[in-house]
Every structure is written in structure tokens, then in C-alpha cells.
Amino acid sequence: MIALGVVYPQYWAIDSIAIEEIFFSHLSTLKMTFCNPCKIDGLDQDVPPFLLIHMLHLQCSHFKMTTLHNSKASLCEKN
């Protein structure tokens, strides 16, 4: 569950240096969970992966940079 926190600005606002160090371990947890095809119990049918691992590789550095720079501002904005 902690690995899913990477999509929330509160995750990035705590300590950006520590978060940068553990980001890739959380990303690998997400890859293991959502980037593998699964079998439906009781049926002989495969379910395709929810996320494409190739796309995560392409987008992770841009996502990390953007989120690090915008997390504090998004927490301060009054919505």
C-alpha cells in the first residue's frame, strides 16, 4: 500500500532526498503487482497486465522530476 503513495503529493513533500532513494523500490513493487499477466481462478484464461512495464520505464524519470518540483505547491494551493 505504501508503494501506491507515489501518486500523491503528500508522499513527495515529506523528505525529497529520502523519497528519491526509495522511489525505485516502490516502483518495482508496482511493476511486480500491476505489470504481470494473471490467471483467473477456476478458469483457463489470462488477464492482460494492467500497466505496461515499458511505458513505466519511459515515464518514471519525468514523473519523478515533475512531482518533486510541484508537490509542495500543490499542497499549498487552496482548492
Protein backbone atom coordinates (compact mmCIF):
# COMPACT_ATOMS: atom_id res chain seq x y z
CA MET A 1 0.00 0.00 0.00
CA ILE A 2 2.86 2.40 0.70
CA ALA A 3 4.10 1.97 -2.88
CA LEU A 4 0.84 3.43 -4.19
CA GLY A 5 1.66 6.63 -2.32
CA VAL A 6 3.93 7.76 -5.15
CA VAL A 7 0.92 9.28 -6.91
CA TYR A 8 0.07 11.63 -4.01
CA PRO A 9 1.87 14.95 -3.35
CA GLN A 10 2.00 14.23 0.39
CA TYR A 11 4.36 11.31 -0.34
CA TRP A 12 6.86 13.64 -2.03
CA ALA A 13 6.58 16.58 0.39
CA ILE A 14 8.00 14.80 3.45
CA ASP A 15 11.70 14.46 2.64
CA SER A 16 12.61 14.66 -1.04
CA ILE A 17 16.11 13.21 -0.60
CA ALA A 18 14.88 10.12 1.25
CA ILE A 19 11.98 9.71 -1.15
CA GLU A 20 14.30 9.77 -4.17
CA GLU A 21 16.26 6.90 -2.64
CA ILE A 22 13.22 4.67 -2.05
CA PHE A 23 11.22 5.66 -5.14
CA PHE A 24 12.66 2.89 -7.32
CA SER A 25 11.93 0.21 -4.72
CA HIS A 26 8.32 1.38 -4.61
CA LEU A 27 8.23 1.48 -8.40
CA SER A 28 9.49 -2.12 -8.58
CA THR A 29 6.71 -3.15 -6.19
CA LEU A 30 4.17 -1.54 -8.51
CA LYS A 31 5.74 -3.27 -11.52
CA MET A 32 5.57 -6.68 -9.85
CA THR A 33 1.93 -6.12 -8.94
CA PHE A 34 0.46 -4.44 -12.00
CA CYS A 35 2.75 -5.31 -14.93
CA ASN A 36 2.37 -9.09 -14.96
CA PRO A 37 -0.40 -11.07 -16.62
CA CYS A 38 -2.58 -13.05 -14.21
CA LYS A 39 -4.77 -16.14 -14.42
CA ILE A 40 -8.40 -16.12 -13.38
CA ASP A 41 -9.02 -18.69 -10.62
CA GLY A 42 -11.02 -21.64 -11.83
CA LEU A 43 -10.76 -20.67 -15.50
CA ASP A 44 -8.06 -21.27 -18.03
CA GLN A 45 -7.95 -17.62 -19.07
CA ASP A 46 -5.23 -14.99 -18.83
CA VAL A 47 -5.84 -11.37 -17.82
CA PRO A 48 -3.50 -8.90 -19.55
CA PRO A 49 -1.32 -6.67 -17.38
CA PHE A 50 -2.95 -3.53 -16.02
CA LEU A 51 0.14 -1.38 -16.77
CA LEU A 52 2.82 -1.73 -19.43
CA ILE A 53 6.29 -2.04 -17.92
CA HIS A 54 7.89 -0.36 -20.95
CA MET A 55 5.72 2.74 -20.50
CA LEU A 56 6.59 2.93 -16.80
CA HIS A 57 10.28 2.88 -17.68
CA LEU A 58 9.79 5.70 -20.17
CA GLN A 59 7.70 7.88 -17.87
CA CYS A 60 9.22 7.33 -14.40
CA SER A 61 12.04 9.90 -14.55
CA HIS A 62 9.76 12.62 -15.93
CA PHE A 63 7.08 11.76 -13.38
CA LYS A 64 9.59 11.87 -10.53
CA MET A 65 11.04 15.23 -11.62
CA THR A 66 7.62 16.82 -12.14
CA THR A 67 6.19 15.55 -8.87
CA LEU A 68 9.23 16.61 -6.84
CA HIS A 69 9.02 20.16 -8.18
CA ASN A 70 5.25 20.52 -7.84
CA SER A 71 4.36 18.63 -4.65
CA LYS A 72 4.76 21.49 -2.18
CA ALA A 73 2.95 23.95 -4.42
CA SER A 74 0.03 21.58 -4.89
CA LEU A 75 -0.28 21.11 -1.14
CA CYS A 76 -0.38 24.88 -0.54
CA GLU A 77 -2.96 25.64 -3.19
CA LYS A 78 -6.42 26.41 -1.86
CA ASN A 79 -8.99 24.30 -3.68
